[in-house]
PDB file of all heavy atoms in Angstrom:
ATOM      1  N   ARG A   1     149.142 102.539 -18.533  1.00  0.00           N
ATOM      2  CA  ARG A   1     148.544 103.530 -17.565  1.00  0.00           C
ATOM      3  C   ARG A   1     147.374 102.638 -16.777  1.00  0.00           C
ATOM      4  O   ARG A   1     147.096 102.858 -15.662  1.00  0.00           O
ATOM      5  CB  ARG A   1     148.113 104.608 -18.223  1.00  0.00           C
ATOM      6  CG  ARG A   1     147.555 105.847 -17.241  1.00  0.00           C
ATOM      7  CD  ARG A   1     146.926 106.965 -17.891  1.00  0.00           C
ATOM      8  NE  ARG A   1     145.612 106.683 -18.487  1.00  0.00           N
ATOM      9  CZ  ARG A   1     144.429 106.593 -17.739  1.00  0.00           C
ATOM     10  NH1 ARG A   1     144.575 106.907 -16.433  1.00  0.00           N
ATOM     11  NH2 ARG A   1     143.316 106.383 -18.354  1.00  0.00           N
ATOM     12  N   LEU A   2     146.624 102.010 -17.667  1.00  0.00           N
ATOM     13  CA  LEU A   2     145.443 101.206 -17.208  1.00  0.00           C
ATOM     14  C   LEU A   2     145.849 100.245 -16.106  1.00  0.00           C
ATOM     15  O   LEU A   2     145.284 100.009 -15.112  1.00  0.00           O
ATOM     16  CB  LEU A   2     144.707 100.596 -18.280  1.00  0.00           C
ATOM     17  CG  LEU A   2     143.280 100.088 -17.935  1.00  0.00           C
ATOM     18  CD1 LEU A   2     142.362 101.169 -17.272  1.00  0.00           C
ATOM     19  CD2 LEU A   2     142.620  99.495 -19.246  1.00  0.00           C
ATOM     20  N   GLU A   3     147.047  99.624 -16.433  1.00  0.00           N
ATOM     21  CA  GLU A   3     147.457  98.495 -15.553  1.00  0.00           C
ATOM     22  C   GLU A   3     147.814  99.239 -14.119  1.00  0.00           C
ATOM     23  O   GLU A   3     147.558  98.562 -13.071  1.00  0.00           O
ATOM     24  CB  GLU A   3     148.828  97.970 -16.112  1.00  0.00           C
ATOM     25  CG  GLU A   3     148.654  96.925 -17.179  1.00  0.00           C
ATOM     26  CD  GLU A   3     149.818  96.482 -17.889  1.00  0.00           C
ATOM     27  OE1 GLU A   3     150.911  96.797 -17.532  1.00  0.00           O
ATOM     28  OE2 GLU A   3     149.655  95.696 -18.890  1.00  0.00           O
ATOM     29  N   ALA A   4     148.469 100.320 -14.144  1.00  0.00           N
ATOM     30  CA  ALA A   4     148.816 101.039 -12.842  1.00  0.00           C
ATOM     31  C   ALA A   4     147.599 101.467 -12.074  1.00  0.00           C
ATOM     32  O   ALA A   4     147.517 101.312 -10.904  1.00  0.00           O
ATOM     33  CB  ALA A   4     149.739 102.243 -13.131  1.00  0.00           C
ATOM     34  N   LEU A   5     146.542 101.945 -12.834  1.00  0.00           N
ATOM     35  CA  LEU A   5     145.200 102.394 -12.297  1.00  0.00           C
ATOM     36  C   LEU A   5     144.670 101.198 -11.528  1.00  0.00           C
ATOM     37  O   LEU A   5     144.203 101.238 -10.518  1.00  0.00           O
ATOM     38  CB  LEU A   5     144.280 102.919 -13.353  1.00  0.00           C
ATOM     39  CG  LEU A   5     143.325 103.843 -12.988  1.00  0.00           C
ATOM     40  CD1 LEU A   5     143.798 105.127 -12.335  1.00  0.00           C
ATOM     41  CD2 LEU A   5     142.480 104.361 -14.214  1.00  0.00           C
ATOM     42  N   VAL A   6     144.531  99.938 -12.180  1.00  0.00           N
ATOM     43  CA  VAL A   6     144.029  98.835 -11.725  1.00  0.00           C
ATOM     44  C   VAL A   6     144.767  98.337 -10.348  1.00  0.00           C
ATOM     45  O   VAL A   6     144.170  97.947  -9.444  1.00  0.00           O
ATOM     46  CB  VAL A   6     143.877  97.761 -12.705  1.00  0.00           C
ATOM     47  CG1 VAL A   6     143.559  96.303 -12.125  1.00  0.00           C
ATOM     48  CG2 VAL A   6     142.765  98.114 -13.825  1.00  0.00           C
ATOM     49  N   GLU A   7     146.122  98.423 -10.455  1.00  0.00           N
ATOM     50  CA  GLU A   7     146.826  98.051  -9.277  1.00  0.00           C
ATOM     51  C   GLU A   7     146.483  98.975  -8.175  1.00  0.00           C
ATOM     52  O   GLU A   7     146.444  98.621  -6.929  1.00  0.00           O
ATOM     53  CB  GLU A   7     148.348  98.088  -9.631  1.00  0.00           C
ATOM     54  CG  GLU A   7     148.869  96.903 -10.255  1.00  0.00           C
ATOM     55  CD  GLU A   7     148.865  95.737  -9.347  1.00  0.00           C
ATOM     56  OE1 GLU A   7     148.943  95.716  -8.205  1.00  0.00           O
ATOM     57  OE2 GLU A   7     148.685  94.585  -9.983  1.00  0.00           O
ATOM     58  N   ARG A   8     146.272 100.217  -8.473  1.00  0.00           N
ATOM     59  CA  ARG A   8     146.023 101.146  -7.304  1.00  0.00           C
ATOM     60  C   ARG A   8     144.628 101.115  -6.752  1.00  0.00           C
ATOM     61  O   ARG A   8     144.422 100.930  -5.451  1.00  0.00           O
ATOM     62  CB  ARG A   8     146.160 102.617  -7.767  1.00  0.00           C
ATOM     63  CG  ARG A   8     145.897 103.724  -6.750  1.00  0.00           C
ATOM     64  CD  ARG A   8     146.201 105.059  -7.210  1.00  0.00           C
ATOM     65  NE  ARG A   8     145.738 106.011  -6.295  1.00  0.00           N
ATOM     66  CZ  ARG A   8     145.558 107.393  -6.479  1.00  0.00           C
ATOM     67  NH1 ARG A   8     145.954 107.824  -7.561  1.00  0.00           N
ATOM     68  NH2 ARG A   8     145.149 108.035  -5.493  1.00  0.00           N
ATOM     69  N   TYR A   9     143.572 100.978  -7.626  1.00  0.00           N
ATOM     70  CA  TYR A   9     142.139 100.955  -7.136  1.00  0.00           C
ATOM     71  C   TYR A   9     141.689  99.553  -6.940  1.00  0.00           C
ATOM     72  O   TYR A   9     140.499  99.311  -6.370  1.00  0.00           O
ATOM     73  CB  TYR A   9     141.285 101.718  -8.054  1.00  0.00           C
ATOM     74  CG  TYR A   9     141.618 103.187  -7.916  1.00  0.00           C
ATOM     75  CD1 TYR A   9     142.517 103.889  -8.785  1.00  0.00           C
ATOM     76  CD2 TYR A   9     140.826 104.006  -6.992  1.00  0.00           C
ATOM     77  CE1 TYR A   9     142.719 105.193  -8.548  1.00  0.00           C
ATOM     78  CE2 TYR A   9     141.119 105.296  -6.849  1.00  0.00           C
ATOM     79  CZ  TYR A   9     142.039 105.942  -7.566  1.00  0.00           C
ATOM     80  OH  TYR A   9     142.347 107.233  -7.373  1.00  0.00           O
ATOM     81  N   ARG A  10     142.255  98.491  -7.506  1.00  0.00           N
ATOM     82  CA  ARG A  10     141.869  97.094  -7.348  1.00  0.00           C
ATOM     83  C   ARG A  10     140.412  96.855  -7.589  1.00  0.00           C
ATOM     84  O   ARG A  10     139.728  96.296  -6.698  1.00  0.00           O
ATOM     85  CB  ARG A  10     142.388  96.706  -5.905  1.00  0.00           C
ATOM     86  CG  ARG A  10     143.830  96.995  -5.747  1.00  0.00           C
ATOM     87  CD  ARG A  10     144.407  96.352  -4.548  1.00  0.00           C
ATOM     88  NE  ARG A  10     144.728  95.088  -4.489  1.00  0.00           N
ATOM     89  CZ  ARG A  10     145.769  94.478  -5.247  1.00  0.00           C
ATOM     90  NH1 ARG A  10     146.389  95.190  -6.057  1.00  0.00           N
ATOM     91  NH2 ARG A  10     145.899  93.255  -5.182  1.00  0.00           N
ATOM     92  N   PRO A  11     139.812  97.188  -8.764  1.00  0.00           N
ATOM     93  CA  PRO A  11     138.458  96.824  -9.017  1.00  0.00           C
ATOM     94  C   PRO A  11     138.318  95.283  -9.005  1.00  0.00           C
ATOM     95  O   PRO A  11     139.280  94.506  -9.342  1.00  0.00           O
ATOM     96  CB  PRO A  11     138.184  97.429 -10.362  1.00  0.00           C
ATOM     97  CG  PRO A  11     139.512  97.504 -10.938  1.00  0.00           C
ATOM     98  CD  PRO A  11     140.484  97.856  -9.948  1.00  0.00           C
ATOM     99  N   ALA A  12     137.141  94.768  -8.773  1.00  0.00           N
ATOM    100  CA  ALA A  12     136.863  93.288  -8.984  1.00  0.00           C
ATOM    101  C   ALA A  12     136.870  92.999 -10.532  1.00  0.00           C
ATOM    102  O   ALA A  12     137.424  91.909 -10.808  1.00  0.00           O
ATOM    103  CB  ALA A  12     135.510  92.983  -8.377  1.00  0.00           C
ATOM    104  N   TYR A  13     136.364  93.837 -11.307  1.00  0.00           N
ATOM    105  CA  TYR A  13     136.363  93.658 -12.711  1.00  0.00           C
ATOM    106  C   TYR A  13     136.885  94.951 -13.437  1.00  0.00           C
ATOM    107  O   TYR A  13     136.597  96.037 -13.032  1.00  0.00           O
ATOM    108  CB  TYR A  13     135.004  93.407 -13.260  1.00  0.00           C
ATOM    109  CG  TYR A  13     134.592  92.002 -13.261  1.00  0.00           C
ATOM    110  CD1 TYR A  13     133.934  91.386 -12.234  1.00  0.00           C
ATOM    111  CD2 TYR A  13     135.062  91.148 -14.259  1.00  0.00           C
ATOM    112  CE1 TYR A  13     133.600  90.094 -12.164  1.00  0.00           C
ATOM    113  CE2 TYR A  13     134.712  89.824 -14.244  1.00  0.00           C
ATOM    114  CZ  TYR A  13     133.976  89.246 -13.156  1.00  0.00           C
ATOM    115  OH  TYR A  13     133.631  87.984 -13.189  1.00  0.00           O
ATOM    116  N   LEU A  14     137.748  94.722 -14.391  1.00  0.00           N
ATOM    117  CA  LEU A  14     138.041  95.800 -15.412  1.00  0.00           C
ATOM    118  C   LEU A  14     137.185  95.429 -16.700  1.00  0.00           C
ATOM    119  O   LEU A  14     137.274  94.330 -17.119  1.00  0.00           O
ATOM    120  CB  LEU A  14     139.515  95.860 -15.807  1.00  0.00           C
ATOM    121  CG  LEU A  14     139.895  96.883 -17.019  1.00  0.00           C
ATOM    122  CD1 LEU A  14     139.602  98.228 -16.615  1.00  0.00           C
ATOM    123  CD2 LEU A  14     141.283  96.422 -17.435  1.00  0.00           C
ATOM    124  N   ALA A  15     136.410  96.368 -17.090  1.00  0.00           N
ATOM    125  CA  ALA A  15     135.463  96.234 -18.250  1.00  0.00           C
ATOM    126  C   ALA A  15     135.920  97.169 -19.464  1.00  0.00           C
ATOM    127  O   ALA A  15     135.706  98.329 -19.264  1.00  0.00           O
ATOM    128  CB  ALA A  15     134.080  96.372 -17.968  1.00  0.00           C
ATOM    129  N   VAL A  16     136.587  96.617 -20.414  1.00  0.00           N
ATOM    130  CA  VAL A  16     137.140  97.537 -21.460  1.00  0.00           C
ATOM    131  C   VAL A  16     135.986  97.496 -22.669  1.00  0.00           C
ATOM    132  O   VAL A  16     135.686  96.503 -23.147  1.00  0.00           O
ATOM    133  CB  VAL A  16     138.447  96.965 -22.024  1.00  0.00           C
ATOM    134  CG1 VAL A  16     138.975  97.937 -23.235  1.00  0.00           C
ATOM    135  CG2 VAL A  16     139.467  96.887 -20.868  1.00  0.00           C
ATOM    136  N   ALA A  17     135.466  98.739 -22.902  1.00  0.00           N
ATOM    137  CA  ALA A  17     134.484  98.963 -23.983  1.00  0.00           C
ATOM    138  C   ALA A  17     135.186  99.165 -25.273  1.00  0.00           C
ATOM    139  O   ALA A  17     135.655 100.268 -25.540  1.00  0.00           O
ATOM    140  CB  ALA A  17     133.575  99.991 -23.513  1.00  0.00           C
ATOM    141  N   GLY A  18     135.339  98.162 -26.176  1.00  0.00           N
ATOM    142  CA  GLY A  18     135.989  98.368 -27.421  1.00  0.00           C
ATOM    143  C   GLY A  18     136.935  97.202 -27.630  1.00  0.00           C
ATOM    144  O   GLY A  18     138.146  97.337 -27.343  1.00  0.00           O
ATOM    145  N   VAL A  19     136.422  96.155 -28.253  1.00  0.00           N
ATOM    146  CA  VAL A  19     137.281  94.984 -28.502  1.00  0.00           C
ATOM    147  C   VAL A  19     138.498  95.328 -29.420  1.00  0.00           C
ATOM    148  O   VAL A  19     139.586  94.783 -29.144  1.00  0.00           O
ATOM    149  CB  VAL A  19     136.456  93.790 -29.003  1.00  0.00           C
ATOM    150  CG1 VAL A  19     136.005  93.937 -30.240  1.00  0.00           C
ATOM    151  CG2 VAL A  19     137.317  92.540 -28.837  1.00  0.00           C
ATOM    152  N   THR A  20     138.280  96.099 -30.392  1.00  0.00           N
ATOM    153  CA  THR A  20     139.325  96.272 -31.304  1.00  0.00           C
ATOM    154  C   THR A  20     140.528  97.081 -30.669  1.00  0.00           C
ATOM    155  O   THR A  20     141.686  96.701 -30.785  1.00  0.00           O
ATOM    156  CB  THR A  20     138.860  97.008 -32.583  1.00  0.00           C
ATOM    157  OG1 THR A  20     137.966  96.217 -33.215  1.00  0.00           O
ATOM    158  CG2 THR A  20     140.057  97.317 -33.625  1.00  0.00           C
ATOM    159  N   ALA A  21     140.093  98.085 -29.939  1.00  0.00           N
ATOM    160  CA  ALA A  21     141.172  98.906 -29.196  1.00  0.00           C
ATOM    161  C   ALA A  21     141.870  98.002 -28.116  1.00  0.00           C
ATOM    162  O   ALA A  21     143.039  98.100 -27.879  1.00  0.00           O
ATOM    163  CB  ALA A  21     140.504 100.069 -28.591  1.00  0.00           C
ATOM    164  N   TYR A  22     141.117  97.166 -27.503  1.00  0.00           N
ATOM    165  CA  TYR A  22     141.748  96.233 -26.505  1.00  0.00           C
ATOM    166  C   TYR A  22     142.719  95.363 -27.186  1.00  0.00           C
ATOM    167  O   TYR A  22     143.826  95.249 -26.696  1.00  0.00           O
ATOM    168  CB  TYR A  22     140.695  95.299 -25.879  1.00  0.00           C
ATOM    169  CG  TYR A  22     141.241  94.312 -24.901  1.00  0.00           C
ATOM    170  CD1 TYR A  22     141.552  94.714 -23.594  1.00  0.00           C
ATOM    171  CD2 TYR A  22     141.620  93.124 -25.344  1.00  0.00           C
ATOM    172  CE1 TYR A  22     142.152  93.888 -22.752  1.00  0.00           C
ATOM    173  CE2 TYR A  22     142.182  92.138 -24.358  1.00  0.00           C
ATOM    174  CZ  TYR A  22     142.525  92.627 -23.169  1.00  0.00           C
ATOM    175  OH  TYR A  22     143.128  91.632 -22.292  1.00  0.00           O
ATOM    176  N   ARG A  23     142.444  94.893 -28.355  1.00  0.00           N
ATOM    177  CA  ARG A  23     143.339  93.883 -29.077  1.00  0.00           C
ATOM    178  C   ARG A  23     144.731  94.608 -29.306  1.00  0.00           C
ATOM    179  O   ARG A  23     145.683  94.011 -29.241  1.00  0.00           O
ATOM    180  CB  ARG A  23     142.758  93.393 -30.350  1.00  0.00           C
ATOM    181  CG  ARG A  23     141.504  92.473 -30.086  1.00  0.00           C
ATOM    182  CD  ARG A  23     140.786  92.239 -31.432  1.00  0.00           C
ATOM    183  NE  ARG A  23     139.674  91.268 -31.265  1.00  0.00           N
ATOM    184  CZ  ARG A  23     138.707  91.186 -32.208  1.00  0.00           C
ATOM    185  NH1 ARG A  23     138.577  91.881 -33.187  1.00  0.00           N
ATOM    186  NH2 ARG A  23     137.876  90.227 -31.933  1.00  0.00           N
ATOM    187  N   THR A  24     144.547  95.914 -29.786  1.00  0.00           N
ATOM    188  CA  THR A  24     145.735  96.744 -30.161  1.00  0.00           C
ATOM    189  C   THR A  24     146.576  97.069 -28.838  1.00  0.00           C
ATOM    190  O   THR A  24     147.755  96.798 -28.786  1.00  0.00           O
ATOM    191  CB  THR A  24     145.360  97.906 -30.839  1.00  0.00           C
ATOM    192  OG1 THR A  24     144.647  97.559 -32.090  1.00  0.00           O
ATOM    193  CG2 THR A  24     146.448  98.726 -31.198  1.00  0.00           C
ATOM    194  N   ALA A  25     145.928  97.502 -27.876  1.00  0.00           N
ATOM    195  CA  ALA A  25     146.517  97.998 -26.722  1.00  0.00           C
ATOM    196  C   ALA A  25     147.304  96.733 -25.951  1.00  0.00           C
ATOM    197  O   ALA A  25     148.312  97.125 -25.373  1.00  0.00           O
ATOM    198  CB  ALA A  25     145.556  98.575 -25.655  1.00  0.00           C
ATOM    199  N   PHE A  26     146.714  95.652 -25.954  1.00  0.00           N
ATOM    200  CA  PHE A  26     147.346  94.520 -25.246  1.00  0.00           C
ATOM    201  C   PHE A  26     147.897  93.468 -26.091  1.00  0.00           C
ATOM    202  O   PHE A  26     148.278  92.343 -25.631  1.00  0.00           O
ATOM    203  CB  PHE A  26     146.327  94.022 -24.146  1.00  0.00           C
ATOM    204  CG  PHE A  26     145.892  95.061 -23.167  1.00  0.00           C
ATOM    205  CD1 PHE A  26     144.788  95.686 -23.375  1.00  0.00           C
ATOM    206  CD2 PHE A  26     146.839  95.471 -22.199  1.00  0.00           C
ATOM    207  CE1 PHE A  26     144.413  96.795 -22.535  1.00  0.00           C
ATOM    208  CE2 PHE A  26     146.523  96.540 -21.344  1.00  0.00           C
ATOM    209  CZ  PHE A  26     145.269  97.177 -21.571  1.00  0.00           C
ATOM    210  N   GLY A  27     147.938  93.537 -27.329  1.00  0.00           N
ATOM    211  CA  GLY A  27     148.505  92.653 -28.228  1.00  0.00           C
ATOM    212  C   GLY A  27     147.828  91.232 -28.233  1.00  0.00           C
ATOM    213  O   GLY A  27     148.437  90.160 -28.174  1.00  0.00           O
ATOM    214  N   ARG A  28     146.560  91.321 -28.160  1.00  0.00           N
ATOM    215  CA  ARG A  28     145.615  90.071 -28.144  1.00  0.00           C
ATOM    216  C   ARG A  28     144.680  90.067 -29.318  1.00  0.00           C
ATOM    217  O   ARG A  28     143.494  90.381 -29.085  1.00  0.00           O
ATOM    218  CB  ARG A  28     144.792  90.221 -26.745  1.00  0.00           C
ATOM    219  CG  ARG A  28     145.510  90.229 -25.479  1.00  0.00           C
ATOM    220  CD  ARG A  28     146.051  88.744 -25.012  1.00  0.00           C
ATOM    221  NE  ARG A  28     146.470  88.754 -23.696  1.00  0.00           N
ATOM    222  CZ  ARG A  28     147.801  88.967 -23.335  1.00  0.00           C
ATOM    223  NH1 ARG A  28     148.664  89.330 -24.187  1.00  0.00           N
ATOM    224  NH2 ARG A  28     148.140  88.827 -22.173  1.00  0.00           N
ATOM    225  N   PRO A  29     145.169  89.713 -30.385  1.00  0.00           N
ATOM    226  CA  PRO A  29     144.383  89.874 -31.688  1.00  0.00           C
ATOM    227  C   PRO A  29     143.133  88.961 -31.748  1.00  0.00           C
ATOM    228  O   PRO A  29     142.186  89.257 -32.511  1.00  0.00           O
ATOM    229  CB  PRO A  29     145.337  89.518 -32.828  1.00  0.00           C
ATOM    230  CG  PRO A  29     146.471  88.669 -32.114  1.00  0.00           C
ATOM    231  CD  PRO A  29     146.468  89.175 -30.631  1.00  0.00           C
ATOM    232  N   ARG A  30     143.117  87.893 -30.913  1.00  0.00           N
ATOM    233  CA  ARG A  30     141.945  87.044 -31.031  1.00  0.00           C
ATOM    234  C   ARG A  30     140.904  87.220 -29.989  1.00  0.00           C
ATOM    235  O   ARG A  30     139.929  86.455 -29.943  1.00  0.00           O
ATOM    236  CB  ARG A  30     142.372  85.581 -30.955  1.00  0.00           C
ATOM    237  CG  ARG A  30     143.405  85.130 -32.153  1.00  0.00           C
ATOM    238  CD  ARG A  30     143.627  83.732 -32.081  1.00  0.00           C
ATOM    239  NE  ARG A  30     144.893  83.233 -32.889  1.00  0.00           N
ATOM    240  CZ  ARG A  30     145.025  83.307 -34.074  1.00  0.00           C
ATOM    241  NH1 ARG A  30     144.113  83.880 -34.811  1.00  0.00           N
ATOM    242  NH2 ARG A  30     146.105  82.850 -34.754  1.00  0.00           N
TER     243      ARG A  30
END
């Protein structure tokens, strides 16, 4: 859903607050 929102609104930066949740949501464990 976040990918679609970023495509629509085109922010210069997406800032995700919460590294553990980010790792899970995007499969980026490191």
